[in-house]
Each structure stands twice: as structure tokens, then as C-alpha cells.
Amino acid sequence: VDEARAIAGELGDEDLATDAAARGALVAANLGEYATAVAELERCLARARERGNVFRVEQFLRDLGGVLLAMGDYSRAREALTELSEAADRLLAKSDRELRELARRLARLEPLPPEPA
């Protein structure tokens, strides 16, 4: 994890640095350092929100909810996991709309002529 953070710093890659920090938070949680893990995951979540990265927001909400459950903070875990569920529903609804639009556009295309034998 430390090496990934160092590489991200050298490259100036903030997304990679955030991912490395999230991995470090999960290591901390596995070692029982829940407060450290929660604080780091909250920072990662904030960065993902700032960047508008809905996939990372969902990932960090899931991870945060799991760590909060492990530490027994059930009300905050419920908040994180409820937000995760709502975000996933929005993403699925958007994907469904986009797939329907793609199907409509494909239906308007003329079929390709058969290839000569």
C-alpha cells in the first residue's frame, strides 16, 4: 500500500493515490484500527464525490459501511449503506435509460446487405 501511494505521488495520479489510501484503510480495519479506517475512507469518499466518480463513490460507501458495521456503529453504517443503495438505484436507472436509447437508435439503422459468397 505504501509503495502504491509513493508511485501515485511520483506520477501525480490523484485517483491512484485515493485508491491506495482506500486499500490502506481496509488494511487498518483488518488490524482493528477502525477509527483510522473510517477517517481515511471518508476522505476517499469526499475525493470521489469531488471528482464525480460515481463508481468510486459506491465502492467507498460500501467499504465504509462494512467498516462501520465491524466497529458496531450501526446507525452510521445504515446511513452509508442506504446511500449506497440509493446511488446504485440511480445508476441502474440511468443505465436502463441509456440502453433503451441505444436500442432505439440501433432499430433505426438499415440492415447491412448480405456479404457476397
Protein backbone atom coordinates (compact mmCIF):
# COMPACT_ATOMS: atom_id res chain seq x y z
CA VAL A 1 0.00 0.00 0.00
CA ASP A 2 2.80 2.42 0.89
CA GLU A 3 4.55 1.66 -2.38
CA ALA A 4 1.35 2.30 -4.34
CA ARG A 5 0.98 5.64 -2.57
CA ALA A 6 4.58 6.53 -3.41
CA ILE A 7 4.10 5.63 -7.08
CA ALA A 8 0.88 7.65 -7.22
CA GLY A 9 2.71 10.61 -5.71
CA GLU A 10 5.52 10.36 -8.24
CA LEU A 11 3.03 10.19 -11.09
CA GLY A 12 0.78 12.90 -9.68
CA ASP A 13 -2.14 10.49 -10.11
CA GLU A 14 -4.73 11.52 -7.54
CA ASP A 15 -7.14 8.69 -8.43
CA LEU A 16 -4.40 6.12 -7.86
CA ALA A 17 -3.47 7.85 -4.60
CA THR A 18 -7.09 7.70 -3.46
CA ASP A 19 -7.35 4.02 -4.35
CA ALA A 20 -4.12 3.30 -2.45
CA ALA A 21 -5.44 5.22 0.55
CA ALA A 22 -8.67 3.20 0.47
CA ARG A 23 -6.69 -0.04 0.38
CA GLY A 24 -4.66 1.21 3.34
CA ALA A 25 -7.90 1.95 5.16
CA LEU A 26 -9.08 -1.62 4.65
CA VAL A 27 -5.76 -2.92 5.96
CA ALA A 28 -6.22 -0.72 9.03
CA ALA A 29 -9.75 -2.07 9.51
CA ASN A 30 -8.47 -5.64 9.30
CA LEU A 31 -6.00 -4.78 12.04
CA GLY A 32 -8.82 -3.47 14.21
CA GLU A 33 -7.91 0.21 13.70
CA TYR A 34 -11.47 1.13 12.83
CA ALA A 35 -11.33 4.86 13.60
CA THR A 36 -8.31 5.26 11.31
CA ALA A 37 -10.04 3.25 8.58
CA VAL A 38 -13.26 5.26 8.82
CA ALA A 39 -11.44 8.60 8.69
CA GLU A 40 -9.44 7.54 5.62
CA LEU A 41 -12.45 6.11 3.81
CA GLU A 42 -14.40 9.30 4.49
CA ARG A 43 -11.55 11.29 2.88
CA CYS A 44 -11.54 8.92 -0.10
CA LEU A 45 -15.31 9.24 -0.42
CA ALA A 46 -15.07 13.04 -0.37
CA ARG A 47 -12.44 12.98 -3.13
CA ALA A 48 -14.54 10.63 -5.26
CA ARG A 49 -17.55 12.93 -4.84
CA GLU A 50 -15.47 15.98 -5.79
CA ARG A 51 -14.39 14.21 -8.98
CA GLY A 52 -17.91 12.98 -9.75
CA ASN A 53 -16.71 9.37 -9.90
CA VAL A 54 -19.94 7.51 -9.12
CA PHE A 55 -18.29 4.10 -9.25
CA ARG A 56 -15.70 5.03 -6.63
CA VAL A 57 -18.37 6.75 -4.51
CA GLU A 58 -20.25 3.45 -4.47
CA GLN A 59 -17.10 1.48 -3.68
CA PHE A 60 -16.12 3.74 -0.79
CA LEU A 61 -19.67 3.82 0.61
CA ARG A 62 -19.71 0.01 0.59
CA ASP A 63 -16.30 -0.19 2.26
CA LEU A 64 -17.22 2.48 4.79
CA GLY A 65 -20.48 0.73 5.63
CA GLY A 66 -18.66 -2.55 6.18
CA VAL A 67 -16.07 -0.99 8.48
CA LEU A 68 -18.76 0.84 10.44
CA LEU A 69 -20.64 -2.44 10.88
CA ALA A 70 -17.47 -4.15 12.09
CA MET A 71 -16.90 -1.45 14.69
CA GLY A 72 -20.51 -1.61 15.84
CA ASP A 73 -21.58 1.84 14.64
CA TYR A 74 -24.83 0.59 13.19
CA SER A 75 -26.58 3.92 12.66
CA ARG A 76 -23.71 5.34 10.58
CA ALA A 77 -23.37 2.01 8.76
CA ARG A 78 -27.06 2.18 7.88
CA GLU A 79 -26.60 5.72 6.54
CA ALA A 80 -23.66 4.73 4.34
CA LEU A 81 -25.31 1.57 3.05
CA THR A 82 -28.64 3.33 2.43
CA GLU A 83 -26.82 6.00 0.43
CA LEU A 84 -25.04 3.21 -1.46
CA SER A 85 -28.35 1.55 -2.29
CA GLU A 86 -29.85 4.83 -3.50
CA ALA A 87 -26.78 5.63 -5.61
CA ALA A 88 -26.88 2.16 -7.17
CA ASP A 89 -30.58 2.59 -7.99
CA ARG A 90 -29.86 5.92 -9.72
CA LEU A 91 -27.01 4.40 -11.70
CA LEU A 92 -29.15 1.44 -12.78
CA ALA A 93 -31.98 3.75 -13.83
CA LYS A 94 -29.56 5.85 -15.88
CA SER A 95 -28.05 2.75 -17.48
CA ASP A 96 -31.52 1.45 -18.31
CA ARG A 97 -32.47 4.74 -20.00
CA GLU A 98 -29.21 4.74 -21.97
CA LEU A 99 -29.69 1.13 -23.09
CA ARG A 100 -33.24 1.88 -24.27
CA GLU A 101 -31.99 4.88 -26.23
CA LEU A 102 -29.22 2.78 -27.79
CA ALA A 103 -31.78 0.13 -28.79
CA ARG A 104 -33.98 2.81 -30.40
CA ARG A 105 -31.02 4.15 -32.35
CA LEU A 106 -29.96 0.68 -33.47
CA ALA A 107 -33.52 -0.10 -34.60
CA ARG A 108 -33.42 2.91 -36.96
CA LEU A 109 -30.30 1.66 -38.72
CA GLU A 110 -30.76 -0.06 -42.04
CA PRO A 111 -29.71 -3.68 -42.10
CA LEU A 112 -26.43 -4.41 -43.81
CA PRO A 113 -26.67 -6.11 -47.18
CA PRO A 114 -25.61 -9.74 -47.22
CA GLU A 115 -21.97 -10.33 -47.97
CA PRO A 116 -21.22 -11.81 -51.38
CA ALA A 117 -20.46 -15.51 -51.35
